[in-house]
C-alpha atoms as a PDB file:
ATOM      1  CA  UNK A   1      98.866  41.080  22.369  1.00  0.00           C
ATOM      2  CA  UNK A   2     101.504  40.719  25.084  1.00  0.00           C
ATOM      3  CA  UNK A   3     104.495  43.066  24.933  1.00  0.00           C
ATOM      4  CA  UNK A   4     107.475  41.690  26.839  1.00  0.00           C
ATOM      5  CA  UNK A   5     110.634  43.758  27.330  1.00  0.00           C
ATOM      6  CA  UNK A   6     113.982  41.973  27.428  1.00  0.00           C
ATOM      7  CA  UNK A   7     116.591  44.212  29.018  1.00  0.00           C
ATOM      8  CA  UNK A   8     120.192  43.310  28.259  1.00  0.00           C
ATOM      9  CA  UNK A   9     122.309  44.300  31.261  1.00  0.00           C
ATOM     10  CA  UNK A  10     125.590  42.508  30.707  1.00  0.00           C
ATOM     11  CA  UNK A  11     127.938  45.454  30.245  1.00  0.00           C
ATOM     12  CA  UNK A  12     131.182  45.766  32.167  1.00  0.00           C
ATOM     13  CA  UNK A  13     131.651  49.531  31.930  1.00  0.00           C
ATOM     14  CA  UNK A  14     135.336  49.400  31.067  1.00  0.00           C
ATOM     15  CA  UNK A  15     135.159  52.219  28.511  1.00  0.00           C
ATOM     16  CA  UNK A  16     133.043  54.279  30.888  1.00  0.00           C
ATOM     17  CA  UNK A  17     135.721  53.953  33.555  1.00  0.00           C
ATOM     18  CA  UNK A  18     133.445  52.767  36.365  1.00  0.00           C
ATOM     19  CA  UNK A  19     134.601  50.690  39.300  1.00  0.00           C
ATOM     20  CA  UNK A  20     131.461  48.545  38.908  1.00  0.00           C
ATOM     21  CA  UNK A  21     129.666  47.213  35.816  1.00  0.00           C
ATOM     22  CA  UNK A  22     127.884  50.222  34.317  1.00  0.00           C
ATOM     23  CA  UNK A  23     124.395  48.851  34.929  1.00  0.00           C
ATOM     24  CA  UNK A  24     125.095  49.188  38.654  1.00  0.00           C
ATOM     25  CA  UNK A  25     126.486  52.727  38.482  1.00  0.00           C
ATOM     26  CA  UNK A  26     124.384  55.273  40.354  1.00  0.00           C
ATOM     27  CA  UNK A  27     122.428  57.809  38.340  1.00  0.00           C
ATOM     28  CA  UNK A  28     120.699  60.486  40.412  1.00  0.00           C
ATOM     29  CA  UNK A  29     119.937  58.220  43.346  1.00  0.00           C
ATOM     30  CA  UNK A  30     119.109  54.993  41.511  1.00  0.00           C
ATOM     31  CA  UNK A  31     121.232  52.520  39.629  1.00  0.00           C
ATOM     32  CA  UNK A  32     121.247  52.642  35.844  1.00  0.00           C
ATOM     33  CA  UNK A  33     119.470  49.289  35.576  1.00  0.00           C
ATOM     34  CA  UNK A  34     116.773  50.379  38.016  1.00  0.00           C
ATOM     35  CA  UNK A  35     116.023  53.462  35.930  1.00  0.00           C
ATOM     36  CA  UNK A  36     115.917  51.360  32.778  1.00  0.00           C
ATOM     37  CA  UNK A  37     113.488  48.839  34.259  1.00  0.00           C
ATOM     38  CA  UNK A  38     111.415  51.678  35.759  1.00  0.00           C
ATOM     39  CA  UNK A  39     110.770  53.048  32.260  1.00  0.00           C
ATOM     40  CA  UNK A  40     109.218  49.781  31.051  1.00  0.00           C
ATOM     41  CA  UNK A  41     107.443  49.154  34.355  1.00  0.00           C
ATOM     42  CA  UNK A  42     105.637  52.490  33.950  1.00  0.00           C
ATOM     43  CA  UNK A  43     104.493  51.909  30.396  1.00  0.00           C
ATOM     44  CA  UNK A  44     100.863  50.714  30.339  1.00  0.00           C
ATOM     45  CA  UNK A  45     101.315  48.457  27.283  1.00  0.00           C
ATOM     46  CA  UNK A  46     104.299  46.501  28.620  1.00  0.00           C
ATOM     47  CA  UNK A  47     103.091  43.243  30.143  1.00  0.00           C
ATOM     48  CA  UNK A  48     106.346  41.638  31.284  1.00  0.00           C
ATOM     49  CA  UNK A  49     110.013  42.435  31.877  1.00  0.00           C
ATOM     50  CA  UNK A  50     112.946  40.010  31.646  1.00  0.00           C
ATOM     51  CA  UNK A  51     116.466  41.009  32.692  1.00  0.00           C
ATOM     52  CA  UNK A  52     119.563  39.347  31.220  1.00  0.00           C
ATOM     53  CA  UNK A  53     122.913  39.902  32.914  1.00  0.00           C
ATOM     54  CA  UNK A  54     126.313  38.223  33.127  1.00  0.00           C
ATOM     55  CA  UNK A  55     126.804  35.202  35.386  1.00  0.00           C
ATOM     56  CA  UNK A  56     129.136  37.069  37.765  1.00  0.00           C
ATOM     57  CA  UNK A  57     126.430  39.658  38.445  1.00  0.00           C
ATOM     58  CA  UNK A  58     123.449  37.378  39.024  1.00  0.00           C
ATOM     59  CA  UNK A  59     123.467  37.696  42.814  1.00  0.00           C
ATOM     60  CA  UNK A  60     123.835  41.456  42.690  1.00  0.00           C
ATOM     61  CA  UNK A  61     121.031  41.789  40.142  1.00  0.00           C
ATOM     62  CA  UNK A  62     118.790  39.510  42.177  1.00  0.00           C
ATOM     63  CA  UNK A  63     119.306  41.774  45.183  1.00  0.00           C
ATOM     64  CA  UNK A  64     118.199  44.777  43.119  1.00  0.00           C
ATOM     65  CA  UNK A  65     115.118  42.935  41.893  1.00  0.00           C
ATOM     66  CA  UNK A  66     114.142  41.966  45.432  1.00  0.00           C
ATOM     67  CA  UNK A  67     114.381  45.511  46.776  1.00  0.00           C
ATOM     68  CA  UNK A  68     112.072  46.888  44.078  1.00  0.00           C
ATOM     69  CA  UNK A  69     108.339  46.427  43.585  1.00  0.00           C
ATOM     70  CA  UNK A  70     108.316  45.806  39.855  1.00  0.00           C
ATOM     71  CA  UNK A  71     104.944  44.155  39.268  1.00  0.00           C
ATOM     72  CA  UNK A  72     105.830  43.299  35.650  1.00  0.00           C
ATOM     73  CA  UNK A  73     109.100  41.517  36.443  1.00  0.00           C
ATOM     74  CA  UNK A  74     108.967  38.102  34.750  1.00  0.00           C
ATOM     75  CA  UNK A  75     112.439  36.650  35.169  1.00  0.00           C
ATOM     76  CA  UNK A  76     116.212  37.012  35.457  1.00  0.00           C
ATOM     77  CA  UNK A  77     118.838  34.950  33.664  1.00  0.00           C
ATOM     78  CA  UNK A  78     122.485  35.025  32.650  1.00  0.00           C
ATOM     79  CA  UNK A  79     123.420  35.626  29.042  1.00  0.00           C
ATOM     80  CA  UNK A  80     125.793  34.129  26.501  1.00  0.00           C
ATOM     81  CA  UNK A  81     128.991  35.179  24.767  1.00  0.00           C
ATOM     82  CA  UNK A  82     127.239  37.185  22.033  1.00  0.00           C
ATOM     83  CA  UNK A  83     124.437  39.714  22.028  1.00  0.00           C
ATOM     84  CA  UNK A  84     121.971  37.442  20.272  1.00  0.00           C
ATOM     85  CA  UNK A  85     122.856  34.521  22.556  1.00  0.00           C
ATOM     86  CA  UNK A  86     122.054  36.714  25.561  1.00  0.00           C
ATOM     87  CA  UNK A  87     118.811  37.951  24.044  1.00  0.00           C
ATOM     88  CA  UNK A  88     117.893  34.382  23.148  1.00  0.00           C
ATOM     89  CA  UNK A  89     118.380  33.388  26.788  1.00  0.00           C
ATOM     90  CA  UNK A  90     115.944  36.130  27.753  1.00  0.00           C
ATOM     91  CA  UNK A  91     113.503  35.011  25.093  1.00  0.00           C
ATOM     92  CA  UNK A  92     113.360  31.598  26.757  1.00  0.00           C
ATOM     93  CA  UNK A  93     111.678  33.297  29.730  1.00  0.00           C
ATOM     94  CA  UNK A  94     109.049  35.001  27.574  1.00  0.00           C
ATOM     95  CA  UNK A  95     105.560  33.536  27.066  1.00  0.00           C
ATOM     96  CA  UNK A  96     105.466  30.693  24.544  1.00  0.00           C
ATOM     97  CA  UNK A  97     102.385  32.120  22.836  1.00  0.00           C
ATOM     98  CA  UNK A  98     102.758  34.612  19.997  1.00  0.00           C
ATOM     99  CA  UNK A  99     103.341  38.183  21.110  1.00  0.00           C
ATOM    100  CA  UNK A 100     105.768  41.050  20.807  1.00  0.00           C
ATOM    101  CA  UNK A 101     109.239  41.310  22.280  1.00  0.00           C
ATOM    102  CA  UNK A 102     111.041  44.614  22.830  1.00  0.00           C
ATOM    103  CA  UNK A 103     114.801  44.283  23.287  1.00  0.00           C
ATOM    104  CA  UNK A 104     116.493  47.165  25.056  1.00  0.00           C
ATOM    105  CA  UNK A 105     120.011  48.025  26.190  1.00  0.00           C
ATOM    106  CA  UNK A 106     120.162  48.143  29.965  1.00  0.00           C
ATOM    107  CA  UNK A 107     122.607  51.039  29.617  1.00  0.00           C
ATOM    108  CA  UNK A 108     119.910  53.282  28.051  1.00  0.00           C
ATOM    109  CA  UNK A 109     118.068  54.355  31.226  1.00  0.00           C
ATOM    110  CA  UNK A 110     116.458  57.488  29.772  1.00  0.00           C
ATOM    111  CA  UNK A 111     114.285  55.814  27.152  1.00  0.00           C
ATOM    112  CA  UNK A 112     111.063  57.813  26.944  1.00  0.00           C
ATOM    113  CA  UNK A 113     107.515  56.521  27.186  1.00  0.00           C
ATOM    114  CA  UNK A 114     106.742  57.950  23.761  1.00  0.00           C
ATOM    115  CA  UNK A 115     109.578  55.959  22.168  1.00  0.00           C
ATOM    116  CA  UNK A 116     108.315  52.705  23.679  1.00  0.00           C
ATOM    117  CA  UNK A 117     104.821  53.565  22.428  1.00  0.00           C
ATOM    118  CA  UNK A 118     106.072  54.159  18.884  1.00  0.00           C
ATOM    119  CA  UNK A 119     107.696  50.730  18.761  1.00  0.00           C
ATOM    120  CA  UNK A 120     104.592  48.943  20.058  1.00  0.00           C
ATOM    121  CA  UNK A 121     102.309  50.847  17.685  1.00  0.00           C
ATOM    122  CA  UNK A 122     104.551  50.059  14.705  1.00  0.00           C
ATOM    123  CA  UNK A 123     104.409  46.356  15.601  1.00  0.00           C
ATOM    124  CA  UNK A 124     100.706  46.407  14.759  1.00  0.00           C
ATOM    125  CA  UNK A 125     101.699  46.525  11.089  1.00  0.00           C
ATOM    126  CA  UNK A 126     105.257  45.149  11.029  1.00  0.00           C
ATOM    127  CA  UNK A 127     106.994  42.077  12.399  1.00  0.00           C
ATOM    128  CA  UNK A 128     110.207  43.978  13.125  1.00  0.00           C
ATOM    129  CA  UNK A 129     110.816  47.576  14.215  1.00  0.00           C
ATOM    130  CA  UNK A 130     113.948  49.553  15.016  1.00  0.00           C
ATOM    131  CA  UNK A 131     114.334  52.845  16.820  1.00  0.00           C
ATOM    132  CA  UNK A 132     116.698  55.373  15.264  1.00  0.00           C
ATOM    133  CA  UNK A 133     117.479  59.077  15.027  1.00  0.00           C
ATOM    134  CA  UNK A 134     118.496  60.931  11.859  1.00  0.00           C
ATOM    135  CA  UNK A 135     122.134  61.916  11.531  1.00  0.00           C
ATOM    136  CA  UNK A 136     122.873  65.624  11.705  1.00  0.00           C
ATOM    137  CA  UNK A 137     126.576  65.287  10.894  1.00  0.00           C
ATOM    138  CA  UNK A 138     128.299  64.804   7.574  1.00  0.00           C
ATOM    139  CA  UNK A 139     129.277  61.160   7.156  1.00  0.00           C
ATOM    140  CA  UNK A 140     132.163  59.558   5.294  1.00  0.00           C
ATOM    141  CA  UNK A 141     133.471  56.118   4.443  1.00  0.00           C
ATOM    142  CA  UNK A 142     137.142  55.880   5.336  1.00  0.00           C
ATOM    143  CA  UNK A 143     139.959  53.352   5.281  1.00  0.00           C
ATOM    144  CA  UNK A 144     141.154  54.803   8.584  1.00  0.00           C
ATOM    145  CA  UNK A 145     143.538  57.320   7.113  1.00  0.00           C
ATOM    146  CA  UNK A 146     141.753  58.963   4.196  1.00  0.00           C
ATOM    147  CA  UNK A 147     138.247  59.656   2.916  1.00  0.00           C
ATOM    148  CA  UNK A 148     136.903  57.121   0.427  1.00  0.00           C
ATOM    149  CA  UNK A 149     133.435  58.601  -0.104  1.00  0.00           C
ATOM    150  CA  UNK A 150     130.709  60.746   1.446  1.00  0.00           C
ATOM    151  CA  UNK A 151     127.386  59.248   2.488  1.00  0.00           C
ATOM    152  CA  UNK A 152     124.004  60.868   1.975  1.00  0.00           C
ATOM    153  CA  UNK A 153     123.188  61.780   5.567  1.00  0.00           C
ATOM    154  CA  UNK A 154     119.477  62.169   4.737  1.00  0.00           C
ATOM    155  CA  UNK A 155     119.388  58.370   4.377  1.00  0.00           C
ATOM    156  CA  UNK A 156     121.580  57.484   7.374  1.00  0.00           C
ATOM    157  CA  UNK A 157     120.081  57.120  10.837  1.00  0.00           C
ATOM    158  CA  UNK A 158     121.742  56.174  14.140  1.00  0.00           C
ATOM    159  CA  UNK A 159     120.207  53.033  15.594  1.00  0.00           C
ATOM    160  CA  UNK A 160     119.006  52.927  19.204  1.00  0.00           C
ATOM    161  CA  UNK A 161     116.880  50.562  21.256  1.00  0.00           C
ATOM    162  CA  UNK A 162     114.273  49.349  22.001  1.00  0.00           C
ATOM    163  CA  UNK A 163     113.874  47.208  18.929  1.00  0.00           C
ATOM    164  CA  UNK A 164     110.620  45.293  18.598  1.00  0.00           C
ATOM    165  CA  UNK A 165     109.818  41.943  17.009  1.00  0.00           C
ATOM    166  CA  UNK A 166     107.059  39.418  16.653  1.00  0.00           C
ATOM    167  CA  UNK A 167     108.125  36.582  18.950  1.00  0.00           C
ATOM    168  CA  UNK A 168     107.988  33.827  16.313  1.00  0.00           C
ATOM    169  CA  UNK A 169     110.144  35.779  13.861  1.00  0.00           C
ATOM    170  CA  UNK A 170     112.759  36.530  16.505  1.00  0.00           C
ATOM    171  CA  UNK A 171     112.912  32.900  17.632  1.00  0.00           C
ATOM    172  CA  UNK A 172     113.511  31.827  14.035  1.00  0.00           C
ATOM    173  CA  UNK A 173     116.253  34.439  13.572  1.00  0.00           C
ATOM    174  CA  UNK A 174     118.039  33.346  16.745  1.00  0.00           C
ATOM    175  CA  UNK A 175     117.854  29.729  15.661  1.00  0.00           C
ATOM    176  CA  UNK A 176     119.564  30.607  12.381  1.00  0.00           C
ATOM    177  CA  UNK A 177     122.162  32.738  14.183  1.00  0.00           C
ATOM    178  CA  UNK A 178     123.022  29.890  16.536  1.00  0.00           C
ATOM    179  CA  UNK A 179     123.459  27.590  13.553  1.00  0.00           C
ATOM    180  CA  UNK A 180     125.858  30.070  11.953  1.00  0.00           C
ATOM    181  CA  UNK A 181     127.978  31.094  14.931  1.00  0.00           C
ATOM    182  CA  UNK A 182     130.569  32.760  12.687  1.00  0.00           C
ATOM    183  CA  UNK A 183     128.147  35.649  12.151  1.00  0.00           C
ATOM    184  CA  UNK A 184     127.941  38.278  14.861  1.00  0.00           C
ATOM    185  CA  UNK A 185     125.548  41.214  15.028  1.00  0.00           C
ATOM    186  CA  UNK A 186     125.643  44.499  16.910  1.00  0.00           C
ATOM    187  CA  UNK A 187     121.861  44.588  17.152  1.00  0.00           C
ATOM    188  CA  UNK A 188     119.016  42.125  16.744  1.00  0.00           C
ATOM    189  CA  UNK A 189     117.466  43.599  13.601  1.00  0.00           C
ATOM    190  CA  UNK A 190     120.684  42.704  11.753  1.00  0.00           C
ATOM    191  CA  UNK A 191     119.752  39.055  12.189  1.00  0.00           C
ATOM    192  CA  UNK A 192     116.349  39.625  10.587  1.00  0.00           C
ATOM    193  CA  UNK A 193     118.010  41.465   7.734  1.00  0.00           C
ATOM    194  CA  UNK A 194     120.511  38.661   7.171  1.00  0.00           C
ATOM    195  CA  UNK A 195     118.351  35.557   7.544  1.00  0.00           C
ATOM    196  CA  UNK A 196     114.946  36.927   6.500  1.00  0.00           C
ATOM    197  CA  UNK A 197     115.774  39.658   3.958  1.00  0.00           C
ATOM    198  CA  UNK A 198     112.220  39.648   2.594  1.00  0.00           C
ATOM    199  CA  UNK A 199     110.750  40.797   5.923  1.00  0.00           C
ATOM    200  CA  UNK A 200     110.020  44.491   6.286  1.00  0.00           C
ATOM    201  CA  UNK A 201     111.836  46.259   9.146  1.00  0.00           C
ATOM    202  CA  UNK A 202     110.020  49.441  10.122  1.00  0.00           C
ATOM    203  CA  UNK A 203     111.830  52.479  11.523  1.00  0.00           C
ATOM    204  CA  UNK A 204     110.422  54.748  14.224  1.00  0.00           C
ATOM    205  CA  UNK A 205     112.088  57.859  15.552  1.00  0.00           C
ATOM    206  CA  UNK A 206     113.964  57.620  18.808  1.00  0.00           C
ATOM    207  CA  UNK A 207     115.218  60.482  20.947  1.00  0.00           C
ATOM    208  CA  UNK A 208     118.485  62.329  21.421  1.00  0.00           C
ATOM    209  CA  UNK A 209     118.057  61.858  25.169  1.00  0.00           C
ATOM    210  CA  UNK A 210     117.979  58.061  24.761  1.00  0.00           C
ATOM    211  CA  UNK A 211     121.737  57.924  25.351  1.00  0.00           C
ATOM    212  CA  UNK A 212     123.669  54.702  25.830  1.00  0.00           C
ATOM    213  CA  UNK A 213     126.079  54.864  28.754  1.00  0.00           C
ATOM    214  CA  UNK A 214     129.428  54.108  27.127  1.00  0.00           C
ATOM    215  CA  UNK A 215     131.939  56.816  28.021  1.00  0.00           C
ATOM    216  CA  UNK A 216     132.550  58.860  31.223  1.00  0.00           C
ATOM    217  CA  UNK A 217     130.943  61.965  29.749  1.00  0.00           C
ATOM    218  CA  UNK A 218     127.692  60.127  29.076  1.00  0.00           C
ATOM    219  CA  UNK A 219     126.821  59.967  32.765  1.00  0.00           C
ATOM    220  CA  UNK A 220     127.130  63.735  33.098  1.00  0.00           C
ATOM    221  CA  UNK A 221     124.842  64.237  30.102  1.00  0.00           C
ATOM    222  CA  UNK A 222     122.280  61.885  31.624  1.00  0.00           C
ATOM    223  CA  UNK A 223     122.359  63.737  34.931  1.00  0.00           C
ATOM    224  CA  UNK A 224     121.793  67.028  33.106  1.00  0.00           C
ATOM    225  CA  UNK A 225     118.829  65.592  31.196  1.00  0.00           C
ATOM    226  CA  UNK A 226     117.270  64.276  34.408  1.00  0.00           C
ATOM    227  CA  UNK A 227     117.759  67.623  36.112  1.00  0.00           C
ATOM    228  CA  UNK A 228     116.004  69.364  33.205  1.00  0.00           C
ATOM    229  CA  UNK A 229     113.102  66.902  33.276  1.00  0.00           C
ATOM    230  CA  UNK A 230     112.506  67.615  36.970  1.00  0.00           C
ATOM    231  CA  UNK A 231     112.230  71.363  36.420  1.00  0.00           C
END
């Protein structure tokens, strides 16, 4: 079965404090988006890669694509105003036949090969899979000023990407989401949970090094991880 990766690279990097959109920030000699695509290009079970960016960055992203020799590159497009609209735009460039789609944040350049493998393997038995890591901190519900309740941290995991889906299920979820534009989601599995609550969503373990570039300190952590990996 084909496994196509859709990489969402539409961030602006405002919270990270970069002078350029964060996907174009340099990380140890390569841009963040290049490192992200490299990870999926290397994986033997990934058959295609689609990149989704914002309209203002299309020319810049095209230049990056042209200077690389990504044999699995399958297309580039601009996204929409919401996450699922952007991912849906990328899905339009995926093969029409049934397969698997892995959706990944372009700002997570250190995703490991083993994490990608876990998602693909889990898709052999599930139509939807998320990547997550268990919480090691105590967790509370709060109204912003006081504690309302404590959560059982053994049951709370922090969601990462990639998330994997059977293509037909994801297309159906996006169709429902576009019909109900008042509903927004911070990740794609939320759409499955909302519109197809009877479908099982499997969970596979991610990695603490699979950091999302959000704040200035995240880049330093990524550089340290890369330096350790090279030793």
